[in-house]
C-alpha atoms as a PDB file:
ATOM      1  CA  MET A   1      37.503 -37.884 -87.864  1.00  0.00           C
ATOM      2  CA  ALA A   2      34.033 -36.410 -87.672  1.00  0.00           C
ATOM      3  CA  LEU A   3      33.563 -32.614 -87.506  1.00  0.00           C
ATOM      4  CA  GLU A   4      32.818 -31.569 -83.904  1.00  0.00           C
ATOM      5  CA  SER A   5      30.108 -29.129 -83.094  1.00  0.00           C
ATOM      6  CA  LEU A   6      30.926 -25.484 -83.591  1.00  0.00           C
ATOM      7  CA  PRO A   7      32.748 -23.701 -80.712  1.00  0.00           C
ATOM      8  CA  PRO A   8      30.565 -22.953 -77.671  1.00  0.00           C
ATOM      9  CA  GLY A   9      28.596 -19.623 -78.034  1.00  0.00           C
ATOM     10  CA  SER A  10      28.704 -19.561 -81.742  1.00  0.00           C
ATOM     11  CA  ALA A  11      25.719 -17.776 -83.439  1.00  0.00           C
ATOM     12  CA  PHE A  12      25.115 -17.766 -87.079  1.00  0.00           C
ATOM     13  CA  HIS A  13      25.472 -14.345 -88.673  1.00  0.00           C
ATOM     14  CA  HIS A  14      25.400 -14.422 -92.459  1.00  0.00           C
ATOM     15  CA  LEU A  15      26.234 -16.220 -95.766  1.00  0.00           C
ATOM     16  CA  GLY A  16      28.987 -14.671 -97.750  1.00  0.00           C
ATOM     17  CA  TYR A  17      28.082 -14.179-101.472  1.00  0.00           C
ATOM     18  CA  ALA A  18      30.693 -13.405-103.997  1.00  0.00           C
ATOM     19  CA  CYS A  19      29.646 -10.986-106.744  1.00  0.00           C
ATOM     20  CA  ALA A  20      31.293  -9.900-109.975  1.00  0.00           C
ATOM     21  CA  ALA A  21      28.926  -6.832-109.868  1.00  0.00           C
ATOM     22  CA  LEU A  22      27.536  -6.049-106.438  1.00  0.00           C
ATOM     23  CA  ASP A  23      24.908  -3.758-107.804  1.00  0.00           C
ATOM     24  CA  ARG A  24      23.504  -6.333-110.236  1.00  0.00           C
ATOM     25  CA  ASP A  25      23.304  -8.938-107.557  1.00  0.00           C
ATOM     26  CA  ARG A  26      21.840  -6.489-105.054  1.00  0.00           C
ATOM     27  CA  ALA A  27      18.939  -5.826-107.686  1.00  0.00           C
ATOM     28  CA  GLN A  28      18.357  -9.572-107.831  1.00  0.00           C
ATOM     29  CA  PHE A  29      18.087  -9.969-104.108  1.00  0.00           C
ATOM     30  CA  GLU A  30      15.738  -7.020-103.911  1.00  0.00           C
ATOM     31  CA  ARG A  31      13.422  -8.663-106.380  1.00  0.00           C
ATOM     32  CA  MET A  32      13.360 -11.589-103.996  1.00  0.00           C
ATOM     33  CA  GLY A  33      12.300  -9.340-101.067  1.00  0.00           C
ATOM     34  CA  TYR A  34      15.669  -8.580 -99.570  1.00  0.00           C
ATOM     35  CA  ALA A  35      16.619  -5.050 -98.465  1.00  0.00           C
ATOM     36  CA  ALA A  36      19.942  -3.407 -97.502  1.00  0.00           C
ATOM     37  CA  GLU A  37      20.392  -3.834 -93.771  1.00  0.00           C
ATOM     38  CA  THR A  38      23.221  -1.302 -93.479  1.00  0.00           C
ATOM     39  CA  GLU A  39      25.036   1.110 -95.733  1.00  0.00           C
ATOM     40  CA  GLY A  40      27.672  -0.554 -97.889  1.00  0.00           C
ATOM     41  CA  PHE A  41      31.323  -0.631 -96.768  1.00  0.00           C
ATOM     42  CA  GLU A  42      34.779  -0.875 -98.313  1.00  0.00           C
ATOM     43  CA  ASP A  43      37.519  -2.728 -96.701  1.00  0.00           C
ATOM     44  CA  PRO A  44      40.906  -2.097 -98.276  1.00  0.00           C
ATOM     45  CA  VAL A  45      42.683  -4.555 -96.013  1.00  0.00           C
ATOM     46  CA  GLN A  46      40.528  -7.435 -97.344  1.00  0.00           C
ATOM     47  CA  GLY A  47      40.288  -5.817-100.836  1.00  0.00           C
ATOM     48  CA  ILE A  48      36.487  -5.923-100.922  1.00  0.00           C
ATOM     49  CA  ARG A  49      33.376  -3.931-101.036  1.00  0.00           C
ATOM     50  CA  GLY A  50      30.264  -5.260 -99.334  1.00  0.00           C
ATOM     51  CA  LEU A  51      26.618  -4.851 -98.266  1.00  0.00           C
ATOM     52  CA  PHE A  52      24.535  -6.798 -95.768  1.00  0.00           C
ATOM     53  CA  MET A  53      20.979  -7.627 -96.866  1.00  0.00           C
ATOM     54  CA  THR A  54      18.090  -9.211 -94.983  1.00  0.00           C
ATOM     55  CA  GLY A  55      14.902 -10.757 -96.130  1.00  0.00           C
ATOM     56  CA  ALA A  56      12.869 -13.852 -95.885  1.00  0.00           C
ATOM     57  CA  GLY A  57      15.893 -16.080 -95.702  1.00  0.00           C
ATOM     58  CA  PRO A  58      19.314 -15.786 -93.932  1.00  0.00           C
ATOM     59  CA  ARG A  59      21.288 -12.534 -93.854  1.00  0.00           C
ATOM     60  CA  ILE A  60      23.434 -12.179 -96.943  1.00  0.00           C
ATOM     61  CA  GLU A  61      26.727 -10.332 -97.223  1.00  0.00           C
ATOM     62  CA  LEU A  62      27.166  -9.373-100.896  1.00  0.00           C
ATOM     63  CA  LEU A  63      30.922  -8.868-101.685  1.00  0.00           C
ATOM     64  CA  GLU A  64      32.896  -7.695-104.680  1.00  0.00           C
ATOM     65  CA  ASN A  65      36.520  -7.151-105.259  1.00  0.00           C
ATOM     66  CA  LEU A  66      37.895  -3.575-104.983  1.00  0.00           C
ATOM     67  CA  PRO A  67      39.598  -2.368-108.168  1.00  0.00           C
ATOM     68  CA  GLY A  68      42.964  -4.175-108.441  1.00  0.00           C
ATOM     69  CA  SER A  69      41.971  -6.818-105.869  1.00  0.00           C
ATOM     70  CA  ALA A  70      41.677 -10.531-106.522  1.00  0.00           C
ATOM     71  CA  THR A  71      40.307 -11.604-103.192  1.00  0.00           C
ATOM     72  CA  LEU A  72      37.078 -13.200-104.609  1.00  0.00           C
ATOM     73  CA  ASN A  73      38.697 -14.457-107.886  1.00  0.00           C
ATOM     74  CA  PRO A  74      38.960 -18.153-106.856  1.00  0.00           C
ATOM     75  CA  TRP A  75      35.308 -18.319-106.156  1.00  0.00           C
ATOM     76  CA  LEU A  76      34.056 -16.402-109.076  1.00  0.00           C
ATOM     77  CA  ALA A  77      36.336 -18.370-111.462  1.00  0.00           C
ATOM     78  CA  GLN A  78      34.649 -21.536-110.139  1.00  0.00           C
ATOM     79  CA  GLY A  79      31.180 -20.214-110.245  1.00  0.00           C
ATOM     80  CA  THR A  80      30.825 -20.473-106.580  1.00  0.00           C
ATOM     81  CA  ARG A  81      28.762 -17.585-105.219  1.00  0.00           C
ATOM     82  CA  ILE A  82      27.942 -18.668-101.653  1.00  0.00           C
ATOM     83  CA  TYR A  83      31.433 -19.415-100.254  1.00  0.00           C
ATOM     84  CA  HIS A  84      31.329 -18.888 -96.615  1.00  0.00           C
ATOM     85  CA  PHE A  85      29.165 -19.227 -93.451  1.00  0.00           C
ATOM     86  CA  ALA A  86      29.876 -16.673 -90.818  1.00  0.00           C
ATOM     87  CA  TYR A  87      29.422 -17.103 -87.063  1.00  0.00           C
ATOM     88  CA  GLU A  88      29.830 -14.650 -84.175  1.00  0.00           C
ATOM     89  CA  VAL A  89      31.996 -16.219 -81.534  1.00  0.00           C
ATOM     90  CA  PRO A  90      32.679 -14.974 -77.921  1.00  0.00           C
ATOM     91  CA  ASP A  91      36.292 -16.058 -78.075  1.00  0.00           C
ATOM     92  CA  LEU A  92      38.203 -15.792 -81.454  1.00  0.00           C
ATOM     93  CA  ALA A  93      41.230 -17.615 -80.139  1.00  0.00           C
ATOM     94  CA  ALA A  94      39.041 -20.521 -78.945  1.00  0.00           C
ATOM     95  CA  ALA A  95      37.245 -20.687 -82.349  1.00  0.00           C
ATOM     96  CA  LEU A  96      40.584 -20.861 -84.125  1.00  0.00           C
ATOM     97  CA  ALA A  97      41.830 -23.550 -81.743  1.00  0.00           C
ATOM     98  CA  TRP A  98      38.476 -25.474 -82.471  1.00  0.00           C
ATOM     99  CA  ALA A  99      39.229 -25.119 -86.221  1.00  0.00           C
ATOM    100  CA  ARG A 100      42.799 -26.434 -85.794  1.00  0.00           C
ATOM    101  CA  ALA A 101      41.430 -29.468 -84.031  1.00  0.00           C
ATOM    102  CA  GLN A 102      39.161 -30.066 -87.068  1.00  0.00           C
ATOM    103  CA  ARG A 103      42.357 -29.839 -89.182  1.00  0.00           C
ATOM    104  CA  ALA A 104      41.048 -26.588 -90.772  1.00  0.00           C
ATOM    105  CA  VAL A 105      43.547 -24.195 -92.151  1.00  0.00           C
ATOM    106  CA  THR A 106      43.346 -20.534 -91.088  1.00  0.00           C
ATOM    107  CA  THR A 107      43.347 -18.644 -94.438  1.00  0.00           C
ATOM    108  CA  VAL A 108      42.933 -15.163 -92.843  1.00  0.00           C
ATOM    109  CA  GLN A 109      44.492 -14.498 -89.556  1.00  0.00           C
ATOM    110  CA  PRO A 110      42.563 -12.258 -87.109  1.00  0.00           C
ATOM    111  CA  VAL A 111      42.190  -8.788 -88.532  1.00  0.00           C
ATOM    112  CA  ALA A 112      40.089  -5.798 -87.704  1.00  0.00           C
ATOM    113  CA  ALA A 113      37.166  -5.528 -90.098  1.00  0.00           C
ATOM    114  CA  VAL A 114      35.411  -2.482 -91.383  1.00  0.00           C
ATOM    115  CA  ALA A 115      32.120  -4.272 -91.670  1.00  0.00           C
ATOM    116  CA  PHE A 116      32.061  -4.918 -88.023  1.00  0.00           C
ATOM    117  CA  ASP A 117      33.265  -1.606 -86.570  1.00  0.00           C
ATOM    118  CA  GLY A 118      36.760  -2.830 -86.119  1.00  0.00           C
ATOM    119  CA  ARG A 119      35.875  -6.084 -84.439  1.00  0.00           C
ATOM    120  CA  ARG A 120      38.274  -8.854 -85.454  1.00  0.00           C
ATOM    121  CA  ILE A 121      37.359 -11.647 -87.949  1.00  0.00           C
ATOM    122  CA  ALA A 122      39.236 -14.665 -89.177  1.00  0.00           C
ATOM    123  CA  PHE A 123      38.680 -17.134 -92.029  1.00  0.00           C
ATOM    124  CA  VAL A 124      39.289 -20.883 -91.821  1.00  0.00           C
ATOM    125  CA  MET A 125      39.056 -23.519 -94.620  1.00  0.00           C
ATOM    126  CA  LEU A 126      37.643 -26.886 -93.561  1.00  0.00           C
ATOM    127  CA  ARG A 127      38.971 -30.103 -95.029  1.00  0.00           C
ATOM    128  CA  THR A 128      35.848 -30.279 -97.133  1.00  0.00           C
ATOM    129  CA  GLY A 129      36.961 -26.952 -98.922  1.00  0.00           C
ATOM    130  CA  PHE A 130      34.205 -24.997 -97.250  1.00  0.00           C
ATOM    131  CA  MET A 131      35.033 -21.691 -95.603  1.00  0.00           C
ATOM    132  CA  LEU A 132      33.965 -20.310 -92.179  1.00  0.00           C
ATOM    133  CA  GLU A 133      34.253 -16.803 -90.979  1.00  0.00           C
ATOM    134  CA  PHE A 134      34.465 -16.144 -87.312  1.00  0.00           C
ATOM    135  CA  ILE A 135      33.445 -12.644 -85.995  1.00  0.00           C
ATOM    136  CA  GLU A 136      34.583 -11.653 -82.564  1.00  0.00           C
ATOM    137  CA  THR A 137      31.654 -10.525 -80.442  1.00  0.00           C
END
């Protein structure tokens, strides 16, 4: 079964980048011409601290675990740094239905996200092992 096109109205938003030390990776992106797009944020529900950066390439969301959290450990343990593509979607329920039709597994059910002023997000894992984040517009 081939992967179908993304849900209608999907718009690329960012690449999620797992960090063991966000400030160290921020400095590396700054050397590549990136700058902080917003103030950093902490999301205790997801167990992460993050920062959006923009530059010559795609928007990057740098993320690190909050103390005591293991949210990013699977990717960090594998050495995987870019671990998700994020898309804004007009209808979160339709995006999740699309994902189910692709035999993707919802790994994070819809939840309000600090990074998006309380808009809901959800994560799905494709059969290939790649993760997508859907952000409700």
